[in-house]
Amino acid sequence: MATLLLIPTRPFLLSLRQRSYKLSSRVTMASSSSSSPPSDPSMETVAPHAAVTAERKLNPDLQEHLPKPYLARALAAVDPSHPKGTQGRDARGMSVLQQHAAFFDRNGDGVIYPWETFQGLRAIGCGYPVSLVGAFLINLVLSYPTQPSWIPSPLLSIHINNIHKGKHGSDSEAYDTEGRFDPSKFDAIFSKYGKTHPNALTKDELDLMLEANRNMYDFLGWVASAGEWMLLYSVAKDKEGLLQREIVRGAFDGSLFERLEESKESA
């Protein structure tokens, strides 16, 4: 897939990477500061006889760096480095999932047609074949669940107001079922799988996460998750093949897509 995509310019990715590394000490501290077990056994996150709980660690100190990390945010994609979400971003009253989808609503009418999805994919750096196939598949899968009635749309339209109904399984669960952003689930992406770098994922770590998130017999969810994350990795990995934490957070609220489009236009 990577050979079919136009990768954003190096200065853009380097600036994001530098920003991510500046924040890494703060986030890394949160994920590694507790070396001793909690005094209250009920707060323990590792079970001695469940090896997977030790392999995929959680961050027990997230609340020290982000207020109420258990509280899903409706309007902002937050983490310890962005406790109020993306700076200067106007949510326009939309949920974080709606903000993510709204980038592809190219005329701003609240409805996304396949040709708009194609234009959005092209805008973030995807090649023609990927954009054509992606636009068809995305609208094919999401159109009917988001319709305001039981009647299908012959034009495969996606209605942003109902985008939460298109949420699939076998994902990171950083979006809840209403389209809010769950900071604790987002943080778990990196605390569980960011073994090489605390604030980034390698390709192998990304593959491991996708496999670990699979729900039994949820074949559509497996394919959808793999497609989304592989597309993100293809257009937004840095020169060392890492998918940075800030890149991923920006994908959740759609701000990354806007930056990629601006970078592509300026290039």
Protein backbone atom coordinates (compact mmCIF):
# COMPACT_ATOMS: atom_id res chain seq x y z
CA MET A 1 0.00 0.00 0.00
CA ALA A 2 2.82 2.38 0.81
CA THR A 3 3.99 2.44 -2.79
CA LEU A 4 0.64 3.84 -3.88
CA LEU A 5 0.67 6.75 -1.47
CA LEU A 6 2.20 10.19 -1.48
CA ILE A 7 4.02 10.58 1.82
CA PRO A 8 3.77 14.05 3.47
CA THR A 9 6.82 16.27 3.35
CA ARG A 10 9.68 15.59 5.74
CA PRO A 11 9.54 18.94 7.58
CA PHE A 12 5.94 18.28 8.60
CA LEU A 13 6.65 14.84 10.03
CA LEU A 14 9.91 15.96 11.62
CA SER A 15 8.19 18.85 13.39
CA LEU A 16 5.55 16.52 14.77
CA ARG A 17 8.20 14.03 15.82
CA GLN A 18 10.21 16.71 17.63
CA ARG A 19 7.06 17.87 19.38
CA SER A 20 6.29 14.29 20.40
CA TYR A 21 9.79 13.77 21.82
CA LYS A 22 9.54 16.99 23.84
CA LEU A 23 6.46 15.54 25.46
CA SER A 24 7.84 12.03 25.84
CA SER A 25 9.46 12.59 29.21
CA ARG A 26 6.16 13.65 30.71
CA VAL A 27 4.18 10.75 29.24
CA THR A 28 6.94 8.20 29.78
CA MET A 29 7.16 9.16 33.42
CA ALA A 30 3.48 8.41 33.79
CA SER A 31 3.83 4.97 32.25
CA SER A 32 6.95 3.83 34.08
CA SER A 33 7.09 5.62 37.44
CA SER A 34 5.30 2.91 39.46
CA SER A 35 7.90 0.20 39.96
CA SER A 36 6.44 -1.05 43.24
CA PRO A 37 3.08 -2.86 43.45
CA PRO A 38 0.12 -0.84 44.76
CA SER A 39 -0.63 -1.14 48.47
CA ASP A 40 -4.23 -2.03 47.65
CA PRO A 41 -4.34 -5.39 45.81
CA SER A 42 -7.62 -4.38 44.18
CA MET A 43 -5.67 -1.72 42.27
CA GLU A 44 -3.21 -4.23 40.81
CA THR A 45 -3.19 -4.39 36.98
CA VAL A 46 -1.14 -7.58 36.62
CA ALA A 47 -2.42 -11.04 37.52
CA PRO A 48 0.42 -13.52 38.25
CA HIS A 49 -1.35 -16.37 36.44
CA ALA A 50 -2.42 -14.30 33.41
CA ALA A 51 0.82 -13.59 31.57
CA VAL A 52 -0.91 -11.38 29.03
CA THR A 53 -1.64 -8.79 31.74
CA ALA A 54 2.10 -8.40 32.31
CA GLU A 55 2.87 -8.29 28.58
CA ARG A 56 0.26 -5.58 27.89
CA LYS A 57 0.75 -3.13 30.72
CA LEU A 58 -1.57 -0.31 31.69
CA ASN A 59 -0.51 3.10 32.96
CA PRO A 60 -1.48 3.25 36.66
CA ASP A 61 -0.48 6.92 37.06
CA LEU A 62 -2.38 8.46 34.16
CA GLN A 63 -4.64 10.40 36.53
CA GLU A 64 -1.61 12.28 37.87
CA HIS A 65 -1.00 13.81 34.44
CA LEU A 66 -4.54 14.08 33.06
CA PRO A 67 -7.66 14.98 35.08
CA LYS A 68 -10.27 12.20 35.14
CA PRO A 69 -8.73 10.00 32.41
CA TYR A 70 -11.62 7.55 32.86
CA LEU A 71 -14.07 10.21 31.65
CA ALA A 72 -14.76 9.97 27.91
CA ARG A 73 -14.59 13.42 26.31
CA ALA A 74 -17.32 14.39 23.86
CA LEU A 75 -15.59 17.35 22.19
CA ALA A 76 -11.82 16.92 22.51
CA ALA A 77 -9.18 14.22 21.99
CA VAL A 78 -7.11 14.69 25.15
CA ASP A 79 -3.93 13.18 26.57
CA PRO A 80 -1.37 14.35 29.15
CA SER A 81 0.27 16.58 26.55
CA HIS A 82 -3.05 18.00 25.35
CA PRO A 83 -5.37 18.13 28.38
CA LYS A 84 -7.79 20.39 26.50
CA GLY A 85 -7.42 18.71 23.11
CA THR A 86 -5.95 20.15 19.94
CA GLN A 87 -5.02 23.78 20.55
CA GLY A 88 -7.23 26.28 18.75
CA ARG A 89 -9.53 23.62 17.31
CA ASP A 90 -13.23 24.46 17.10
CA ALA A 91 -15.27 21.31 17.74
CA ARG A 92 -18.36 23.00 16.27
CA GLY A 93 -20.47 21.04 18.72
CA MET A 94 -19.51 17.72 17.13
CA SER A 95 -18.33 14.62 18.93
CA VAL A 96 -14.71 13.58 18.41
CA LEU A 97 -15.83 10.80 16.05
CA GLN A 98 -17.93 13.29 14.08
CA GLN A 99 -14.92 15.61 13.85
CA HIS A 100 -12.88 12.72 12.48
CA ALA A 101 -15.49 12.03 9.79
CA ALA A 102 -16.23 15.68 9.00
CA PHE A 103 -12.93 16.12 7.17
CA PHE A 104 -14.38 14.00 4.36
CA ASP A 105 -17.54 16.10 4.18
CA ARG A 106 -15.96 18.36 1.59
CA ASN A 107 -18.94 20.69 1.12
CA GLY A 108 -19.94 20.81 4.79
CA ASP A 109 -23.55 19.67 4.34
CA GLY A 110 -23.36 16.88 6.93
CA VAL A 111 -23.46 14.10 4.34
CA ILE A 112 -20.43 12.31 2.85
CA TYR A 113 -20.74 10.85 -0.63
CA PRO A 114 -18.22 8.44 -2.18
CA TRP A 115 -16.70 11.16 -4.37
CA GLU A 116 -16.13 13.28 -1.25
CA THR A 117 -14.42 10.36 0.49
CA PHE A 118 -12.25 9.99 -2.61
CA GLN A 119 -11.35 13.69 -2.50
CA GLY A 120 -10.53 13.47 1.21
CA LEU A 121 -8.29 10.45 0.74
CA ARG A 122 -6.49 12.19 -2.09
CA ALA A 123 -6.10 15.29 0.09
CA ILE A 124 -4.21 13.37 2.80
CA GLY A 125 -1.81 11.79 0.31
CA CYS A 126 -3.40 8.58 -0.95
CA GLY A 127 -2.85 7.50 -4.55
CA TYR A 128 -5.67 7.11 -7.07
CA PRO A 129 -6.13 3.31 -6.72
CA VAL A 130 -6.24 3.40 -2.93
CA SER A 131 -8.56 6.41 -2.95
CA LEU A 132 -10.96 4.80 -5.43
CA VAL A 133 -11.15 1.47 -3.62
CA GLY A 134 -11.16 3.09 -0.18
CA ALA A 135 -13.96 5.50 -1.06
CA PHE A 136 -16.16 2.69 -2.36
CA LEU A 137 -15.56 0.35 0.57
CA ILE A 138 -15.88 3.02 3.28
CA ASN A 139 -19.17 4.33 1.95
CA LEU A 140 -20.47 0.83 1.22
CA VAL A 141 -19.90 -0.25 4.83
CA LEU A 142 -20.94 2.95 6.62
CA SER A 143 -23.81 4.16 4.45
CA TYR A 144 -26.72 2.03 5.63
CA PRO A 145 -25.98 2.11 9.40
CA THR A 146 -25.89 5.92 9.34
CA GLN A 147 -29.05 6.50 7.31
CA PRO A 148 -31.81 8.52 9.03
CA SER A 149 -34.37 5.88 7.94
CA TRP A 150 -34.47 2.19 7.07
CA ILE A 151 -34.33 2.99 3.34
CA PRO A 152 -30.83 2.49 1.84
CA SER A 153 -29.17 5.29 -0.07
CA PRO A 154 -28.49 4.43 -3.73
CA LEU A 155 -25.66 6.98 -3.63
CA LEU A 156 -24.06 5.32 -0.56
CA SER A 157 -24.24 8.51 1.49
CA ILE A 158 -22.87 8.64 5.05
CA HIS A 159 -24.71 10.87 7.53
CA ILE A 160 -22.33 12.42 10.06
CA ASN A 161 -25.09 12.87 12.66
CA ASN A 162 -25.34 9.08 12.89
CA ILE A 163 -21.68 8.20 12.41
CA HIS A 164 -21.57 6.56 15.86
CA LYS A 165 -23.85 3.84 14.47
CA GLY A 166 -21.08 2.86 12.08
CA LYS A 167 -18.56 2.12 14.83
CA HIS A 168 -17.17 -1.39 14.33
CA GLY A 169 -15.71 -3.89 16.76
CA SER A 170 -12.17 -5.23 17.11
CA ASP A 171 -10.81 -1.69 17.54
CA SER A 172 -8.89 0.17 20.23
CA GLU A 173 -12.16 1.38 21.84
CA ALA A 174 -10.70 4.88 22.08
CA TYR A 175 -14.06 5.94 20.65
CA ASP A 176 -16.95 4.85 22.83
CA THR A 177 -20.26 3.74 21.33
CA GLU A 178 -21.51 7.35 21.25
CA GLY A 179 -18.41 8.71 19.50
CA ARG A 180 -16.73 10.24 22.55
CA PHE A 181 -12.96 9.97 23.05
CA ASP A 182 -11.77 7.74 25.91
CA PRO A 183 -8.34 8.97 27.14
CA SER A 184 -7.59 5.79 29.10
CA LYS A 185 -8.19 3.58 26.05
CA PHE A 186 -6.05 5.87 23.91
CA ASP A 187 -3.23 5.76 26.46
CA ALA A 188 -3.46 1.96 26.55
CA ILE A 189 -2.53 1.82 22.86
CA PHE A 190 0.98 2.94 23.78
CA SER A 191 1.33 1.54 27.29
CA LYS A 192 0.40 -1.93 26.01
CA TYR A 193 2.14 -2.00 22.65
CA GLY A 194 4.73 0.80 22.53
CA LYS A 195 7.61 -1.38 23.67
CA THR A 196 10.37 0.08 21.49
CA HIS A 197 9.38 3.72 22.01
CA PRO A 198 6.93 4.82 24.73
CA ASN A 199 5.16 7.32 22.47
CA ALA A 200 5.24 5.56 19.11
CA LEU A 201 4.43 2.26 17.43
CA THR A 202 6.59 0.29 15.06
CA LYS A 203 4.97 -1.67 12.23
CA ASP A 204 5.36 -4.91 14.19
CA GLU A 205 3.81 -3.35 17.30
CA LEU A 206 0.93 -2.05 15.24
CA ASP A 207 0.35 -5.53 13.82
CA LEU A 208 0.42 -6.98 17.34
CA MET A 209 -2.17 -4.45 18.51
CA LEU A 210 -4.48 -5.26 15.61
CA GLU A 211 -4.24 -8.96 16.36
CA ALA A 212 -4.79 -8.44 20.09
CA ASN A 213 -7.88 -6.28 19.56
CA ARG A 214 -9.73 -8.84 17.46
CA ASN A 215 -13.11 -9.93 18.78
CA MET A 216 -14.05 -13.53 18.08
CA TYR A 217 -15.67 -14.07 14.66
CA ASP A 218 -15.81 -10.32 14.01
CA PHE A 219 -14.39 -10.61 10.51
CA LEU A 220 -15.74 -7.25 9.33
CA GLY A 221 -14.17 -5.55 12.35
CA TRP A 222 -10.83 -7.25 11.72
CA VAL A 223 -10.71 -6.01 8.14
CA ALA A 224 -11.98 -2.53 8.97
CA SER A 225 -9.46 -2.01 11.78
CA ALA A 226 -6.56 -3.31 9.73
CA GLY A 227 -7.52 -1.10 6.79
CA GLU A 228 -7.82 2.04 8.92
CA TRP A 229 -4.55 1.58 10.79
CA MET A 230 -2.55 0.46 7.75
CA LEU A 231 -3.78 3.49 5.83
CA LEU A 232 -2.80 5.78 8.71
CA TYR A 233 0.60 4.13 8.98
CA SER A 234 1.19 4.49 5.24
CA VAL A 235 0.46 8.21 5.05
CA ALA A 236 1.78 9.34 8.44
CA LYS A 237 4.71 7.19 9.58
CA ASP A 238 7.96 9.08 10.08
CA LYS A 239 11.26 8.41 8.27
CA GLU A 240 12.17 5.73 10.84
CA GLY A 241 8.92 3.87 10.27
CA LEU A 242 7.32 4.97 13.55
CA LEU A 243 3.73 6.02 14.07
CA GLN A 244 4.00 8.78 16.65
CA ARG A 245 1.52 9.29 19.49
CA GLU A 246 0.67 12.82 18.38
CA ILE A 247 -0.04 11.56 14.85
CA VAL A 248 -2.47 8.98 16.18
CA ARG A 249 -4.21 11.46 18.50
CA GLY A 250 -4.63 13.86 15.58
CA ALA A 251 -6.21 11.12 13.50
CA PHE A 252 -8.88 10.59 16.15
CA ASP A 253 -10.12 14.19 16.07
CA GLY A 254 -9.35 14.77 12.39
CA SER A 255 -6.79 17.52 13.00
CA LEU A 256 -4.08 15.33 11.47
CA PHE A 257 -5.99 15.17 8.18
CA GLU A 258 -6.12 18.95 8.00
CA ARG A 259 -2.37 19.21 8.62
CA LEU A 260 -1.63 16.58 6.00
CA GLU A 261 -3.74 18.42 3.46
CA GLU A 262 -2.01 21.70 4.24
CA SER A 263 1.39 20.05 3.97
CA LYS A 264 0.52 18.47 0.63
CA GLU A 265 -0.76 21.76 -0.77
CA SER A 266 2.32 23.67 0.38
CA ALA A 267 4.59 21.05 -1.19
